[in-house]
Amino acid sequence: MSKIFIDDNILSINNTEITLKYSIKKIEKVRDKYIVLLKIPHVELGSEELNNILCYDKTGMMCWQISNELPSDIACTEQIPYVAIQVIEEKLYATDFWGRKFNVDIESGKLIDVKMVH
């Protein structure tokens, strides 16, 4: 069983310490992966801020950062940081401030599809 510890922007997985640029808002575990949602302050938004979901394995090695390639069927293509992550039946969902809920591939971080949250 993996040992995990969080202190603001520091994540420790099995004694591997990872210092992140921003505070950790939430972590979800899916299979042997840790999905980390970073809390983004009011700053200029670059790719680090817009793609604020990261994935680490049980050794603390980074597997991916969420993709910035939006699904082709999305109406508005403007990107904003994610505000929530959720795991339902081993599927990862990421929601942005506008209420767009993206299905995220757990192995790659690619956005599979999107729906609006009401």
PDB file of N, CA and C in Angstrom:
ATOM      1  N   MET A   1       0.841  -1.187   0.000  1.00  0.00           N
ATOM      2  CA  MET A   1       0.000   0.000   0.000  1.00  0.00           C
ATOM      3  C   MET A   1       0.884   1.248   0.000  1.00  0.00           C
ATOM      4  N   SER A   2       0.539   2.186  -0.854  1.00  0.00           N
ATOM      5  CA  SER A   2       1.317   3.414  -0.982  1.00  0.00           C
ATOM      6  C   SER A   2       1.063   4.354   0.183  1.00  0.00           C
ATOM      7  N   LYS A   3       2.122   5.060   0.580  1.00  0.00           N
ATOM      8  CA  LYS A   3       2.038   6.053   1.643  1.00  0.00           C
ATOM      9  C   LYS A   3       2.083   7.427   0.991  1.00  0.00           C
ATOM     10  N   ILE A   4       1.056   8.251   1.275  1.00  0.00           N
ATOM     11  CA  ILE A   4       0.960   9.564   0.651  1.00  0.00           C
ATOM     12  C   ILE A   4       0.810  10.636   1.729  1.00  0.00           C
ATOM     13  N   PHE A   5       1.474  11.786   1.494  1.00  0.00           N
ATOM     14  CA  PHE A   5       1.421  12.901   2.426  1.00  0.00           C
ATOM     15  C   PHE A   5       1.343  14.191   1.623  1.00  0.00           C
ATOM     16  N   ILE A   6       0.489  15.123   2.081  1.00  0.00           N
ATOM     17  CA  ILE A   6       0.317  16.403   1.394  1.00  0.00           C
ATOM     18  C   ILE A   6       0.539  17.531   2.391  1.00  0.00           C
ATOM     19  N   ASP A   7       1.325  18.523   1.996  1.00  0.00           N
ATOM     20  CA  ASP A   7       1.501  19.733   2.788  1.00  0.00           C
ATOM     21  C   ASP A   7       1.550  20.919   1.833  1.00  0.00           C
ATOM     22  N   ASP A   8       0.411  21.572   1.629  1.00  0.00           N
ATOM     23  CA  ASP A   8       0.259  22.719   0.740  1.00  0.00           C
ATOM     24  C   ASP A   8       0.644  22.365  -0.698  1.00  0.00           C
ATOM     25  N   ASN A   9       1.881  22.656  -1.114  1.00  0.00           N
ATOM     26  CA  ASN A   9       2.309  22.358  -2.481  1.00  0.00           C
ATOM     27  C   ASN A   9       3.332  21.219  -2.534  1.00  0.00           C
ATOM     28  N   ILE A  10       3.467  20.493  -1.432  1.00  0.00           N
ATOM     29  CA  ILE A  10       4.415  19.378  -1.391  1.00  0.00           C
ATOM     30  C   ILE A  10       3.641  18.066  -1.317  1.00  0.00           C
ATOM     31  N   LEU A  11       3.942  17.191  -2.232  1.00  0.00           N
ATOM     32  CA  LEU A  11       3.328  15.872  -2.305  1.00  0.00           C
ATOM     33  C   LEU A  11       4.420  14.835  -2.066  1.00  0.00           C
ATOM     34  N   SER A  12       4.165  13.918  -1.156  1.00  0.00           N
ATOM     35  CA  SER A  12       5.111  12.841  -0.887  1.00  0.00           C
ATOM     36  C   SER A  12       4.406  11.517  -1.142  1.00  0.00           C
ATOM     37  N   ILE A  13       4.961  10.742  -2.070  1.00  0.00           N
ATOM     38  CA  ILE A  13       4.430   9.417  -2.398  1.00  0.00           C
ATOM     39  C   ILE A  13       5.525   8.409  -2.103  1.00  0.00           C
ATOM     40  N   ASN A  14       5.278   7.543  -1.127  1.00  0.00           N
ATOM     41  CA  ASN A  14       6.269   6.532  -0.728  1.00  0.00           C
ATOM     42  C   ASN A  14       7.655   7.138  -0.530  1.00  0.00           C
ATOM     43  N   ASN A  15       7.714   8.224   0.226  1.00  0.00           N
ATOM     44  CA  ASN A  15       8.959   8.922   0.568  1.00  0.00           C
ATOM     45  C   ASN A  15       9.633   9.651  -0.591  1.00  0.00           C
ATOM     46  N   THR A  16       8.985   9.732  -1.745  1.00  0.00           N
ATOM     47  CA  THR A  16       9.475  10.572  -2.837  1.00  0.00           C
ATOM     48  C   THR A  16       8.761  11.905  -2.722  1.00  0.00           C
ATOM     49  N   GLU A  17       9.525  12.971  -2.447  1.00  0.00           N
ATOM     50  CA  GLU A  17       8.935  14.289  -2.254  1.00  0.00           C
ATOM     51  C   GLU A  17       8.915  15.073  -3.553  1.00  0.00           C
ATOM     52  N   ILE A  18       7.737  15.616  -3.868  1.00  0.00           N
ATOM     53  CA  ILE A  18       7.534  16.384  -5.102  1.00  0.00           C
ATOM     54  C   ILE A  18       7.056  17.775  -4.693  1.00  0.00           C
ATOM     55  N   THR A  19       7.796  18.811  -5.087  1.00  0.00           N
ATOM     56  CA  THR A  19       7.387  20.177  -4.810  1.00  0.00           C
ATOM     57  C   THR A  19       6.732  20.737  -6.063  1.00  0.00           C
ATOM     58  N   LEU A  20       5.474  21.113  -5.923  1.00  0.00           N
ATOM     59  CA  LEU A  20       4.699  21.629  -7.051  1.00  0.00           C
ATOM     60  C   LEU A  20       4.658  23.151  -6.994  1.00  0.00           C
ATOM     61  N   LYS A  21       4.374  23.767  -8.129  1.00  0.00           N
ATOM     62  CA  LYS A  21       4.376  25.226  -8.214  1.00  0.00           C
ATOM     63  C   LYS A  21       3.220  25.846  -7.419  1.00  0.00           C
ATOM     64  N   TYR A  22       2.089  25.140  -7.349  1.00  0.00           N
ATOM     65  CA  TYR A  22       0.904  25.653  -6.671  1.00  0.00           C
ATOM     66  C   TYR A  22       0.412  24.666  -5.615  1.00  0.00           C
ATOM     67  N   SER A  23      -0.443  25.149  -4.732  1.00  0.00           N
ATOM     68  CA  SER A  23      -1.031  24.314  -3.686  1.00  0.00           C
ATOM     69  C   SER A  23      -1.867  23.185  -4.282  1.00  0.00           C
ATOM     70  N   ILE A  24      -1.915  22.089  -3.562  1.00  0.00           N
ATOM     71  CA  ILE A  24      -2.712  20.939  -3.986  1.00  0.00           C
ATOM     72  C   ILE A  24      -4.131  21.141  -3.466  1.00  0.00           C
ATOM     73  N   LYS A  25      -5.079  21.106  -4.384  1.00  0.00           N
ATOM     74  CA  LYS A  25      -6.491  21.281  -4.019  1.00  0.00           C
ATOM     75  C   LYS A  25      -7.137  19.939  -3.698  1.00  0.00           C
ATOM     76  N   LYS A  26      -6.798  18.907  -4.498  1.00  0.00           N
ATOM     77  CA  LYS A  26      -7.420  17.595  -4.305  1.00  0.00           C
ATOM     78  C   LYS A  26      -6.565  16.514  -4.959  1.00  0.00           C
ATOM     79  N   ILE A  27      -6.639  15.315  -4.390  1.00  0.00           N
ATOM     80  CA  ILE A  27      -5.982  14.153  -4.987  1.00  0.00           C
ATOM     81  C   ILE A  27      -6.993  13.023  -5.061  1.00  0.00           C
ATOM     82  N   GLU A  28      -7.003  12.335  -6.190  1.00  0.00           N
ATOM     83  CA  GLU A  28      -7.824  11.138  -6.377  1.00  0.00           C
ATOM     84  C   GLU A  28      -6.891   9.992  -6.737  1.00  0.00           C
ATOM     85  N   LYS A  29      -7.164   8.811  -6.203  1.00  0.00           N
ATOM     86  CA  LYS A  29      -6.374   7.622  -6.551  1.00  0.00           C
ATOM     87  C   LYS A  29      -7.212   6.751  -7.473  1.00  0.00           C
ATOM     88  N   VAL A  30      -6.627   6.375  -8.594  1.00  0.00           N
ATOM     89  CA  VAL A  30      -7.273   5.484  -9.544  1.00  0.00           C
ATOM     90  C   VAL A  30      -6.271   4.393  -9.894  1.00  0.00           C
ATOM     91  N   ARG A  31      -6.652   3.171  -9.592  1.00  0.00           N
ATOM     92  CA  ARG A  31      -5.750   2.031  -9.757  1.00  0.00           C
ATOM     93  C   ARG A  31      -4.435   2.342  -9.051  1.00  0.00           C
ATOM     94  N   ASP A  32      -3.332   2.396  -9.766  1.00  0.00           N
ATOM     95  CA  ASP A  32      -2.034   2.681  -9.143  1.00  0.00           C
ATOM     96  C   ASP A  32      -1.539   4.091  -9.460  1.00  0.00           C
ATOM     97  N   LYS A  33      -2.461   5.006  -9.767  1.00  0.00           N
ATOM     98  CA  LYS A  33      -2.093   6.371 -10.130  1.00  0.00           C
ATOM     99  C   LYS A  33      -2.726   7.377  -9.164  1.00  0.00           C
ATOM    100  N   TYR A  34      -2.001   8.477  -8.967  1.00  0.00           N
ATOM    101  CA  TYR A  34      -2.492   9.579  -8.145  1.00  0.00           C
ATOM    102  C   TYR A  34      -2.744  10.772  -9.061  1.00  0.00           C
ATOM    103  N   ILE A  35      -3.987  11.229  -9.099  1.00  0.00           N
ATOM    104  CA  ILE A  35      -4.368  12.368  -9.926  1.00  0.00           C
ATOM    105  C   ILE A  35      -4.419  13.584  -9.010  1.00  0.00           C
ATOM    106  N   VAL A  36      -3.656  14.625  -9.363  1.00  0.00           N
ATOM    107  CA  VAL A  36      -3.495  15.806  -8.510  1.00  0.00           C
ATOM    108  C   VAL A  36      -4.100  17.024  -9.212  1.00  0.00           C
ATOM    109  N   LEU A  37      -5.016  17.691  -8.514  1.00  0.00           N
ATOM    110  CA  LEU A  37      -5.588  18.949  -8.985  1.00  0.00           C
ATOM    111  C   LEU A  37      -4.913  20.075  -8.221  1.00  0.00           C
ATOM    112  N   LEU A  38      -4.304  21.002  -8.959  1.00  0.00           N
ATOM    113  CA  LEU A  38      -3.642  22.150  -8.327  1.00  0.00           C
ATOM    114  C   LEU A  38      -4.598  23.332  -8.240  1.00  0.00           C
ATOM    115  N   LYS A  39      -4.501  24.066  -7.147  1.00  0.00           N
ATOM    116  CA  LYS A  39      -5.305  25.271  -6.957  1.00  0.00           C
ATOM    117  C   LYS A  39      -4.562  26.427  -7.607  1.00  0.00           C
ATOM    118  N   ILE A  40      -5.192  27.046  -8.599  1.00  0.00           N
ATOM    119  CA  ILE A  40      -4.539  28.118  -9.350  1.00  0.00           C
ATOM    120  C   ILE A  40      -5.003  29.477  -8.818  1.00  0.00           C
ATOM    121  N   PRO A  41      -4.069  30.309  -8.351  1.00  0.00           N
ATOM    122  CA  PRO A  41      -4.443  31.648  -7.876  1.00  0.00           C
ATOM    123  C   PRO A  41      -4.723  32.573  -9.061  1.00  0.00           C
ATOM    124  N   HIS A  42      -5.133  33.785  -8.779  1.00  0.00           N
ATOM    125  CA  HIS A  42      -5.378  34.774  -9.836  1.00  0.00           C
ATOM    126  C   HIS A  42      -4.033  35.270 -10.348  1.00  0.00           C
ATOM    127  N   VAL A  43      -3.538  34.615 -11.393  1.00  0.00           N
ATOM    128  CA  VAL A  43      -2.258  34.958 -12.023  1.00  0.00           C
ATOM    129  C   VAL A  43      -2.458  34.921 -13.534  1.00  0.00           C
ATOM    130  N   GLU A  44      -1.447  35.361 -14.266  1.00  0.00           N
ATOM    131  CA  GLU A  44      -1.499  35.224 -15.717  1.00  0.00           C
ATOM    132  C   GLU A  44      -1.504  33.739 -16.052  1.00  0.00           C
ATOM    133  N   LEU A  45      -2.412  33.342 -16.932  1.00  0.00           N
ATOM    134  CA  LEU A  45      -2.597  31.923 -17.220  1.00  0.00           C
ATOM    135  C   LEU A  45      -1.724  31.452 -18.384  1.00  0.00           C
ATOM    136  N   GLY A  46      -0.804  30.570 -18.057  1.00  0.00           N
ATOM    137  CA  GLY A  46       0.018  29.914 -19.062  1.00  0.00           C
ATOM    138  C   GLY A  46      -0.355  28.445 -19.100  1.00  0.00           C
ATOM    139  N   SER A  47       0.425  27.626 -19.785  1.00  0.00           N
ATOM    140  CA  SER A  47       0.081  26.210 -19.918  1.00  0.00           C
ATOM    141  C   SER A  47       0.105  25.472 -18.583  1.00  0.00           C
ATOM    142  N   GLU A  48       0.995  25.853 -17.672  1.00  0.00           N
ATOM    143  CA  GLU A  48       1.034  25.210 -16.345  1.00  0.00           C
ATOM    144  C   GLU A  48      -0.256  25.451 -15.573  1.00  0.00           C
ATOM    145  N   GLU A  49      -0.794  26.667 -15.705  1.00  0.00           N
ATOM    146  CA  GLU A  49      -1.996  27.033 -14.975  1.00  0.00           C
ATOM    147  C   GLU A  49      -3.262  26.449 -15.625  1.00  0.00           C
ATOM    148  N   LEU A  50      -3.302  26.430 -16.934  1.00  0.00           N
ATOM    149  CA  LEU A  50      -4.465  25.907 -17.649  1.00  0.00           C
ATOM    150  C   LEU A  50      -4.549  24.382 -17.575  1.00  0.00           C
ATOM    151  N   ASN A  51      -3.414  23.737 -17.532  1.00  0.00           N
ATOM    152  CA  ASN A  51      -3.350  22.273 -17.483  1.00  0.00           C
ATOM    153  C   ASN A  51      -2.972  21.862 -16.060  1.00  0.00           C
ATOM    154  N   ASN A  52      -3.845  22.198 -15.100  1.00  0.00           N
ATOM    155  CA  ASN A  52      -3.524  22.076 -13.678  1.00  0.00           C
ATOM    156  C   ASN A  52      -3.926  20.734 -13.058  1.00  0.00           C
ATOM    157  N   ILE A  53      -3.899  19.682 -13.873  1.00  0.00           N
ATOM    158  CA  ILE A  53      -4.112  18.327 -13.369  1.00  0.00           C
ATOM    159  C   ILE A  53      -2.908  17.489 -13.777  1.00  0.00           C
ATOM    160  N   LEU A  54      -2.296  16.858 -12.774  1.00  0.00           N
ATOM    161  CA  LEU A  54      -1.095  16.057 -12.991  1.00  0.00           C
ATOM    162  C   LEU A  54      -1.348  14.634 -12.515  1.00  0.00           C
ATOM    163  N   CYS A  55      -0.586  13.701 -13.059  1.00  0.00           N
ATOM    164  CA  CYS A  55      -0.712  12.304 -12.659  1.00  0.00           C
ATOM    165  C   CYS A  55       0.663  11.758 -12.281  1.00  0.00           C
ATOM    166  N   TYR A  56       0.707  11.056 -11.135  1.00  0.00           N
ATOM    167  CA  TYR A  56       1.936  10.429 -10.654  1.00  0.00           C
ATOM    168  C   TYR A  56       1.667   8.955 -10.389  1.00  0.00           C
ATOM    169  N   ASP A  57       2.703   8.149 -10.557  1.00  0.00           N
ATOM    170  CA  ASP A  57       2.567   6.730 -10.232  1.00  0.00           C
ATOM    171  C   ASP A  57       2.949   6.489  -8.782  1.00  0.00           C
ATOM    172  N   LYS A  58       2.912   5.237  -8.343  1.00  0.00           N
ATOM    173  CA  LYS A  58       3.152   4.913  -6.928  1.00  0.00           C
ATOM    174  C   LYS A  58       4.595   5.113  -6.488  1.00  0.00           C
ATOM    175  N   THR A  59       5.507   5.374  -7.450  1.00  0.00           N
ATOM    176  CA  THR A  59       6.897   5.666  -7.093  1.00  0.00           C
ATOM    177  C   THR A  59       7.161   7.174  -7.018  1.00  0.00           C
ATOM    178  N   GLY A  60       6.149   7.975  -7.389  1.00  0.00           N
ATOM    179  CA  GLY A  60       6.316   9.427  -7.393  1.00  0.00           C
ATOM    180  C   GLY A  60       6.779   9.967  -8.734  1.00  0.00           C
ATOM    181  N   MET A  61       6.820   9.112  -9.751  1.00  0.00           N
ATOM    182  CA  MET A  61       7.218   9.538 -11.101  1.00  0.00           C
ATOM    183  C   MET A  61       6.008  10.160 -11.804  1.00  0.00           C
ATOM    184  N   MET A  62       6.221  11.332 -12.420  1.00  0.00           N
ATOM    185  CA  MET A  62       5.133  11.986 -13.146  1.00  0.00           C
ATOM    186  C   MET A  62       4.818  11.198 -14.409  1.00  0.00           C
ATOM    187  N   CYS A  63       3.542  10.876 -14.585  1.00  0.00           N
ATOM    188  CA  CYS A  63       3.094  10.126 -15.762  1.00  0.00           C
ATOM    189  C   CYS A  63       2.618  11.059 -16.870  1.00  0.00           C
ATOM    190  N   TRP A  64       1.856  12.096 -16.488  1.00  0.00           N
ATOM    191  CA  TRP A  64       1.353  13.046 -17.475  1.00  0.00           C
ATOM    192  C   TRP A  64       0.823  14.319 -16.820  1.00  0.00           C
ATOM    193  N   GLN A  65       0.695  15.339 -17.652  1.00  0.00           N
ATOM    194  CA  GLN A  65      -0.027  16.561 -17.308  1.00  0.00           C
ATOM    195  C   GLN A  65      -1.210  16.584 -18.262  1.00  0.00           C
ATOM    196  N   ILE A  66      -2.392  16.975 -17.779  1.00  0.00           N
ATOM    197  CA  ILE A  66      -3.591  16.913 -18.606  1.00  0.00           C
ATOM    198  C   ILE A  66      -3.369  17.630 -19.938  1.00  0.00           C
ATOM    199  N   SER A  67      -3.921  17.056 -20.984  1.00  0.00           N
ATOM    200  CA  SER A  67      -3.743  17.568 -22.340  1.00  0.00           C
ATOM    201  C   SER A  67      -4.433  18.917 -22.515  1.00  0.00           C
ATOM    202  N   ASN A  68      -3.862  19.746 -23.387  1.00  0.00           N
ATOM    203  CA  ASN A  68      -4.514  21.014 -23.733  1.00  0.00           C
ATOM    204  C   ASN A  68      -5.265  20.908 -25.054  1.00  0.00           C
ATOM    205  N   GLU A  69      -5.334  19.703 -25.608  1.00  0.00           N
ATOM    206  CA  GLU A  69      -6.090  19.485 -26.853  1.00  0.00           C
ATOM    207  C   GLU A  69      -7.519  19.144 -26.504  1.00  0.00           C
ATOM    208  N   LEU A  70      -8.421  20.107 -26.742  1.00  0.00           N
ATOM    209  CA  LEU A  70      -9.829  19.921 -26.406  1.00  0.00           C
ATOM    210  C   LEU A  70     -10.505  18.980 -27.401  1.00  0.00           C
ATOM    211  N   PRO A  71     -11.550  18.261 -26.968  1.00  0.00           N
ATOM    212  CA  PRO A  71     -12.282  17.390 -27.896  1.00  0.00           C
ATOM    213  C   PRO A  71     -12.825  18.192 -29.077  1.00  0.00           C
ATOM    214  N   SER A  72     -12.897  17.581 -30.243  1.00  0.00           N
ATOM    215  CA  SER A  72     -13.301  18.289 -31.464  1.00  0.00           C
ATOM    216  C   SER A  72     -14.761  18.730 -31.440  1.00  0.00           C
ATOM    217  N   ASP A  73     -15.599  18.093 -30.637  1.00  0.00           N
ATOM    218  CA  ASP A  73     -17.023  18.430 -30.623  1.00  0.00           C
ATOM    219  C   ASP A  73     -17.386  19.529 -29.614  1.00  0.00           C
ATOM    220  N   ILE A  74     -16.397  20.207 -29.077  1.00  0.00           N
ATOM    221  CA  ILE A  74     -16.659  21.244 -28.074  1.00  0.00           C
ATOM    222  C   ILE A  74     -16.987  22.568 -28.757  1.00  0.00           C
ATOM    223  N   ALA A  75     -17.984  23.280 -28.218  1.00  0.00           N
ATOM    224  CA  ALA A  75     -18.431  24.534 -28.824  1.00  0.00           C
ATOM    225  C   ALA A  75     -17.443  25.671 -28.551  1.00  0.00           C
ATOM    226  N   CYS A  76     -17.080  25.883 -27.297  1.00  0.00           N
ATOM    227  CA  CYS A  76     -16.157  26.955 -26.927  1.00  0.00           C
ATOM    228  C   CYS A  76     -14.779  26.351 -26.698  1.00  0.00           C
ATOM    229  N   THR A  77     -13.805  26.838 -27.434  1.00  0.00           N
ATOM    230  CA  THR A  77     -12.458  26.264 -27.349  1.00  0.00           C
ATOM    231  C   THR A  77     -11.514  27.036 -26.428  1.00  0.00           C
ATOM    232  N   GLU A  78     -12.038  28.012 -25.694  1.00  0.00           N
ATOM    233  CA  GLU A  78     -11.182  28.739 -24.752  1.00  0.00           C
ATOM    234  C   GLU A  78     -10.898  27.842 -23.554  1.00  0.00           C
ATOM    235  N   GLN A  79      -9.647  27.820 -23.133  1.00  0.00           N
ATOM    236  CA  GLN A  79      -9.256  27.012 -21.985  1.00  0.00           C
ATOM    237  C   GLN A  79      -9.223  27.846 -20.724  1.00  0.00           C
ATOM    238  N   ILE A  80      -9.660  27.244 -19.623  1.00  0.00           N
ATOM    239  CA  ILE A  80      -9.554  27.846 -18.306  1.00  0.00           C
ATOM    240  C   ILE A  80      -9.125  26.740 -17.345  1.00  0.00           C
ATOM    241  N   PRO A  81      -8.564  27.102 -16.189  1.00  0.00           N
ATOM    242  CA  PRO A  81      -8.114  26.057 -15.262  1.00  0.00           C
ATOM    243  C   PRO A  81      -9.273  25.182 -14.769  1.00  0.00           C
ATOM    244  N   TYR A  82      -8.922  23.980 -14.378  1.00  0.00           N
ATOM    245  CA  TYR A  82      -9.899  23.046 -13.825  1.00  0.00           C
ATOM    246  C   TYR A  82     -10.114  23.364 -12.358  1.00  0.00           C
ATOM    247  N   VAL A  83     -11.350  23.136 -11.877  1.00  0.00           N
ATOM    248  CA  VAL A  83     -11.684  23.438 -10.487  1.00  0.00           C
ATOM    249  C   VAL A  83     -12.076  22.194  -9.696  1.00  0.00           C
ATOM    250  N   ALA A  84     -12.291  21.067 -10.391  1.00  0.00           N
ATOM    251  CA  ALA A  84     -12.692  19.841  -9.688  1.00  0.00           C
ATOM    252  C   ALA A  84     -12.258  18.615 -10.474  1.00  0.00           C
ATOM    253  N   ILE A  85     -11.977  17.541  -9.730  1.00  0.00           N
ATOM    254  CA  ILE A  85     -11.754  16.231 -10.338  1.00  0.00           C
ATOM    255  C   ILE A  85     -12.625  15.230  -9.582  1.00  0.00           C
ATOM    256  N   GLN A  86     -13.015  14.184 -10.296  1.00  0.00           N
ATOM    257  CA  GLN A  86     -13.903  13.190  -9.717  1.00  0.00           C
ATOM    258  C   GLN A  86     -13.633  11.854 -10.397  1.00  0.00           C
ATOM    259  N   VAL A  87     -13.667  10.791  -9.620  1.00  0.00           N
ATOM    260  CA  VAL A  87     -13.530   9.442 -10.167  1.00  0.00           C
ATOM    261  C   VAL A  87     -14.849   8.714  -9.974  1.00  0.00           C
ATOM    262  N   ILE A  88     -15.406   8.237 -11.071  1.00  0.00           N
ATOM    263  CA  ILE A  88     -16.649   7.468 -11.043  1.00  0.00           C
ATOM    264  C   ILE A  88     -16.399   6.174 -11.805  1.00  0.00           C
ATOM    265  N   GLU A  89     -16.540   5.050 -11.123  1.00  0.00           N
ATOM    266  CA  GLU A  89     -16.328   3.735 -11.725  1.00  0.00           C
ATOM    267  C   GLU A  89     -14.997   3.657 -12.474  1.00  0.00           C
ATOM    268  N   GLU A  90     -13.940   4.115 -11.810  1.00  0.00           N
ATOM    269  CA  GLU A  90     -12.573   4.129 -12.333  1.00  0.00           C
ATOM    270  C   GLU A  90     -12.385   4.987 -13.581  1.00  0.00           C
ATOM    271  N   LYS A  91     -13.296   5.926 -13.824  1.00  0.00           N
ATOM    272  CA  LYS A  91     -13.147   6.905 -14.901  1.00  0.00           C
ATOM    273  C   LYS A  91     -12.906   8.264 -14.257  1.00  0.00           C
ATOM    274  N   LEU A  92     -11.988   9.026 -14.842  1.00  0.00           N
ATOM    275  CA  LEU A  92     -11.626  10.336 -14.313  1.00  0.00           C
ATOM    276  C   LEU A  92     -12.385  11.431 -15.061  1.00  0.00           C
ATOM    277  N   TYR A  93     -12.948  12.356 -14.291  1.00  0.00           N
ATOM    278  CA  TYR A  93     -13.639  13.514 -14.853  1.00  0.00           C
ATOM    279  C   TYR A  93     -13.022  14.780 -14.268  1.00  0.00           C
ATOM    280  N   ALA A  94     -12.840  15.778 -15.133  1.00  0.00           N
ATOM    281  CA  ALA A  94     -12.288  17.069 -14.730  1.00  0.00           C
ATOM    282  C   ALA A  94     -13.275  18.154 -15.132  1.00  0.00           C
ATOM    283  N   THR A  95     -13.618  19.018 -14.188  1.00  0.00           N
ATOM    284  CA  THR A  95     -14.598  20.078 -14.447  1.00  0.00           C
ATOM    285  C   THR A  95     -13.920  21.431 -14.363  1.00  0.00           C
ATOM    286  N   ASP A  96     -14.243  22.295 -15.340  1.00  0.00           N
ATOM    287  CA  ASP A  96     -13.688  23.651 -15.299  1.00  0.00           C
ATOM    288  C   ASP A  96     -14.723  24.618 -14.726  1.00  0.00           C
ATOM    289  N   PHE A  97     -14.335  25.862 -14.575  1.00  0.00           N
ATOM    290  CA  PHE A  97     -15.176  26.878 -13.936  1.00  0.00           C
ATOM    291  C   PHE A  97     -16.481  27.100 -14.700  1.00  0.00           C
ATOM    292  N   TRP A  98     -16.487  26.865 -15.997  1.00  0.00           N
ATOM    293  CA  TRP A  98     -17.684  27.067 -16.804  1.00  0.00           C
ATOM    294  C   TRP A  98     -18.653  25.885 -16.738  1.00  0.00           C
ATOM    295  N   GLY A  99     -18.296  24.857 -15.999  1.00  0.00           N
ATOM    296  CA  GLY A  99     -19.188  23.712 -15.875  1.00  0.00           C
ATOM    297  C   GLY A  99     -19.021  22.671 -16.969  1.00  0.00           C
ATOM    298  N   ARG A 100     -17.936  22.752 -17.692  1.00  0.00           N
ATOM    299  CA  ARG A 100     -17.662  21.702 -18.687  1.00  0.00           C
ATOM    300  C   ARG A 100     -16.989  20.535 -17.962  1.00  0.00           C
ATOM    301  N   LYS A 101     -17.565  19.356 -18.112  1.00  0.00           N
ATOM    302  CA  LYS A 101     -17.047  18.162 -17.439  1.00  0.00           C
ATOM    303  C   LYS A 101     -16.402  17.263 -18.494  1.00  0.00           C
ATOM    304  N   PHE A 102     -15.082  17.128 -18.393  1.00  0.00           N
ATOM    305  CA  PHE A 102     -14.311  16.367 -19.370  1.00  0.00           C
ATOM    306  C   PHE A 102     -14.031  14.962 -18.849  1.00  0.00           C
ATOM    307  N   ASN A 103     -14.199  13.970 -19.715  1.00  0.00           N
ATOM    308  CA  ASN A 103     -13.772  12.605 -19.418  1.00  0.00           C
ATOM    309  C   ASN A 103     -12.300  12.555 -19.812  1.00  0.00           C
ATOM    310  N   VAL A 104     -11.441  12.147 -18.882  1.00  0.00           N
ATOM    311  CA  VAL A 104      -9.993  12.174 -19.095  1.00  0.00           C
ATOM    312  C   VAL A 104      -9.446  10.752 -19.116  1.00  0.00           C
ATOM    313  N   ASP A 105      -8.636  10.439 -20.125  1.00  0.00           N
ATOM    314  CA  ASP A 105      -7.987   9.131 -20.209  1.00  0.00           C
ATOM    315  C   ASP A 105      -6.957   9.029 -19.083  1.00  0.00           C
ATOM    316  N   ILE A 106      -7.125   8.056 -18.202  1.00  0.00           N
ATOM    317  CA  ILE A 106      -6.255   7.919 -17.029  1.00  0.00           C
ATOM    318  C   ILE A 106      -4.827   7.536 -17.412  1.00  0.00           C
ATOM    319  N   GLU A 107      -4.644   6.872 -18.522  1.00  0.00           N
ATOM    320  CA  GLU A 107      -3.303   6.444 -18.937  1.00  0.00           C
ATOM    321  C   GLU A 107      -2.492   7.551 -19.603  1.00  0.00           C
ATOM    322  N   SER A 108      -3.168   8.516 -20.264  1.00  0.00           N
ATOM    323  CA  SER A 108      -2.438   9.516 -21.045  1.00  0.00           C
ATOM    324  C   SER A 108      -2.724  10.972 -20.673  1.00  0.00           C
ATOM    325  N   GLY A 109      -3.848  11.240 -19.997  1.00  0.00           N
ATOM    326  CA  GLY A 109      -4.224  12.617 -19.699  1.00  0.00           C
ATOM    327  C   GLY A 109      -4.957  13.304 -20.833  1.00  0.00           C
ATOM    328  N   LYS A 110      -5.273  12.554 -21.899  1.00  0.00           N
ATOM    329  CA  LYS A 110      -5.994  13.148 -23.029  1.00  0.00           C
ATOM    330  C   LYS A 110      -7.468  13.296 -22.693  1.00  0.00           C
ATOM    331  N   LEU A 111      -8.074  14.355 -23.239  1.00  0.00           N
ATOM    332  CA  LEU A 111      -9.492  14.619 -23.030  1.00  0.00           C
ATOM    333  C   LEU A 111     -10.285  13.794 -24.035  1.00  0.00           C
ATOM    334  N   ILE A 112     -11.156  12.925 -23.556  1.00  0.00           N
ATOM    335  CA  ILE A 112     -11.899  12.010 -24.411  1.00  0.00           C
ATOM    336  C   ILE A 112     -13.166  12.684 -24.950  1.00  0.00           C
ATOM    337  N   ASP A 113     -13.973  13.229 -24.040  1.00  0.00           N
ATOM    338  CA  ASP A 113     -15.184  13.930 -24.456  1.00  0.00           C
ATOM    339  C   ASP A 113     -15.594  14.918 -23.370  1.00  0.00           C
ATOM    340  N   VAL A 114     -16.670  15.667 -23.639  1.00  0.00           N
ATOM    341  CA  VAL A 114     -17.098  16.720 -22.724  1.00  0.00           C
ATOM    342  C   VAL A 114     -18.614  16.779 -22.674  1.00  0.00           C
ATOM    343  N   LYS A 115     -19.142  17.165 -21.517  1.00  0.00           N
ATOM    344  CA  LYS A 115     -20.557  17.474 -21.396  1.00  0.00           C
ATOM    345  C   LYS A 115     -20.689  18.644 -20.419  1.00  0.00           C
ATOM    346  N   MET A 116     -21.818  19.313 -20.476  1.00  0.00           N
ATOM    347  CA  MET A 116     -22.057  20.456 -19.591  1.00  0.00           C
ATOM    348  C   MET A 116     -22.697  19.961 -18.307  1.00  0.00           C
ATOM    349  N   VAL A 117     -22.226  20.492 -17.181  1.00  0.00           N
ATOM    350  CA  VAL A 117     -22.791  20.176 -15.878  1.00  0.00           C
ATOM    351  C   VAL A 117     -23.882  21.202 -15.596  1.00  0.00           C
ATOM    352  N   HIS A 118     -25.011  20.744 -15.149  1.00  0.00           N
ATOM    353  CA  HIS A 118     -26.132  21.678 -14.869  1.00  0.00           C
ATOM    354  C   HIS A 118     -26.251  21.942 -13.401  1.00  0.00           C
TER     355      HIS A 118
END
